[in-house]
Amino acid sequence: MDKISLTGMEFFGYHGVLPEETRLGQRFIVDLTMELDLRQAGENDDLEATINYAEVYADIKALVEGGPVKTLECLGERICQRLYAKYQLLEHLSLTIHKPGAPVAGIFKDVAVTL
């Protein structure tokens, strides 16, 4: 299966359980890999036979920077639902949302959820 990946997309959002998270906001990093058949797009240089990754970026940006949710799981589900509904060529995706500033007592590089 062919893949299109967008990695390291950074956005500022207001998601989280704690009041400070929804008031102050924080950085979120999103990685996405989409699986689809790209043969026709490659053979015919046809944008209609692929997924426009600039549009995908805009879709993800709108959700991450939009209204707050409590969990990364909910945010991820919203992103997945939008992408599957909008892009009929999309057969499978892997989405990881990183929250490097998660309010966890301890030393860690990152907290992430993958759907």
Protein backbone atom coordinates (compact mmCIF):
# COMPACT_ATOMS: atom_id res chain seq x y z
CA MET A 1 0.00 0.00 0.00
CA ASP A 2 1.21 3.49 -0.83
CA LYS A 3 1.54 6.13 1.86
CA ILE A 4 1.45 9.89 2.31
CA SER A 5 2.93 11.14 5.58
CA LEU A 6 2.78 14.50 7.32
CA THR A 7 4.99 14.50 10.38
CA GLY A 8 5.89 17.02 13.01
CA MET A 9 2.89 19.30 12.43
CA GLU A 10 2.87 21.74 15.35
CA PHE A 11 -0.20 23.54 16.61
CA PHE A 12 -1.23 25.48 19.70
CA GLY A 13 -4.40 24.20 21.33
CA TYR A 14 -6.38 24.29 24.56
CA HIS A 15 -7.04 20.62 25.24
CA GLY A 16 -6.78 18.91 28.59
CA VAL A 17 -8.45 18.01 31.83
CA LEU A 18 -6.92 20.70 34.02
CA PRO A 19 -8.29 24.26 33.97
CA GLU A 20 -4.82 25.67 33.25
CA GLU A 21 -4.60 23.59 30.07
CA THR A 22 -7.82 25.00 28.66
CA ARG A 23 -6.96 28.52 29.80
CA LEU A 24 -3.27 28.79 28.92
CA GLY A 25 -3.04 26.25 26.10
CA GLN A 26 -0.01 24.35 24.94
CA ARG A 27 1.81 22.88 21.98
CA PHE A 28 0.59 19.74 20.24
CA ILE A 29 2.54 17.82 17.60
CA VAL A 30 0.70 15.62 15.10
CA ASP A 31 2.08 12.85 12.90
CA LEU A 32 -0.13 11.32 10.22
CA THR A 33 0.39 8.49 7.75
CA MET A 34 -2.36 7.87 5.20
CA GLU A 35 -2.51 4.69 3.14
CA LEU A 36 -4.11 4.72 -0.30
CA ASP A 37 -3.51 3.54 -3.84
CA LEU A 38 -1.36 6.16 -5.57
CA ARG A 39 -0.74 4.31 -8.81
CA GLN A 40 -3.13 6.39 -10.94
CA ALA A 41 -1.82 9.64 -9.47
CA GLY A 42 1.75 8.56 -10.21
CA GLU A 43 1.09 7.30 -13.73
CA ASN A 44 -1.10 10.23 -14.81
CA ASP A 45 0.22 13.09 -12.68
CA ASP A 46 -3.38 13.50 -11.51
CA LEU A 47 -4.13 15.47 -8.32
CA GLU A 48 -7.68 14.09 -8.32
CA ALA A 49 -6.25 10.59 -7.86
CA THR A 50 -4.49 11.45 -4.61
CA ILE A 51 -5.13 13.36 -1.40
CA ASN A 52 -4.06 16.99 -1.26
CA TYR A 53 -1.88 17.14 1.84
CA ALA A 54 -2.27 20.92 2.11
CA GLU A 55 -6.00 20.35 2.64
CA VAL A 56 -5.30 17.60 5.17
CA TYR A 57 -3.00 19.96 7.08
CA ALA A 58 -5.75 22.60 7.14
CA ASP A 59 -8.29 20.04 8.40
CA ILE A 60 -6.04 18.95 11.26
CA LYS A 61 -5.10 22.54 12.13
CA ALA A 62 -8.78 23.51 12.38
CA LEU A 63 -9.49 20.70 14.83
CA VAL A 64 -6.37 21.03 17.00
CA GLU A 65 -6.68 24.82 17.20
CA GLY A 66 -10.47 24.67 17.51
CA GLY A 67 -12.69 24.02 20.49
CA PRO A 68 -11.11 22.22 23.43
CA VAL A 69 -11.60 18.59 24.41
CA LYS A 70 -10.39 16.85 27.54
CA THR A 71 -8.54 13.91 26.02
CA LEU A 72 -6.11 13.31 23.20
CA GLU A 73 -8.21 10.27 22.38
CA CYS A 74 -11.23 12.47 21.65
CA LEU A 75 -9.18 14.90 19.58
CA GLY A 76 -7.68 12.02 17.64
CA GLU A 77 -11.05 10.45 16.99
CA ARG A 78 -12.39 13.75 15.65
CA ILE A 79 -9.45 14.06 13.29
CA CYS A 80 -9.81 10.47 12.07
CA GLN A 81 -13.55 10.85 11.51
CA ARG A 82 -13.08 14.05 9.51
CA LEU A 83 -10.35 12.59 7.31
CA TYR A 84 -12.21 9.35 6.58
CA ALA A 85 -15.42 11.27 5.81
CA LYS A 86 -13.74 13.81 3.53
CA TYR A 87 -11.23 11.68 1.62
CA GLN A 88 -12.84 8.66 -0.01
CA LEU A 89 -9.49 7.47 -1.41
CA LEU A 90 -8.19 7.03 2.14
CA GLU A 91 -8.02 3.33 3.01
CA HIS A 92 -6.19 3.45 6.34
CA LEU A 93 -4.47 5.99 8.54
CA SER A 94 -2.22 6.14 11.55
CA LEU A 95 -2.44 9.29 13.64
CA THR A 96 -0.24 10.17 16.61
CA ILE A 97 -0.87 13.24 18.74
CA HIS A 98 2.01 14.29 20.98
CA LYS A 99 1.56 16.45 24.06
CA PRO A 100 5.12 17.22 25.16
CA GLY A 101 3.99 19.60 27.89
CA ALA A 102 1.50 17.25 29.53
CA PRO A 103 1.09 18.04 33.24
CA VAL A 104 2.64 14.85 34.57
CA ALA A 105 4.83 14.88 37.65
CA GLY A 106 8.08 13.43 36.41
CA ILE A 107 10.72 13.64 33.73
CA PHE A 108 9.63 12.57 30.27
CA LYS A 109 10.11 13.64 26.69
CA ASP A 110 6.59 13.19 25.43
CA VAL A 111 3.10 11.86 26.01
CA ALA A 112 1.39 10.59 22.88
CA VAL A 113 -1.73 8.78 21.73
CA THR A 114 -1.83 6.81 18.47
CA LEU A 115 -5.03 5.86 16.68
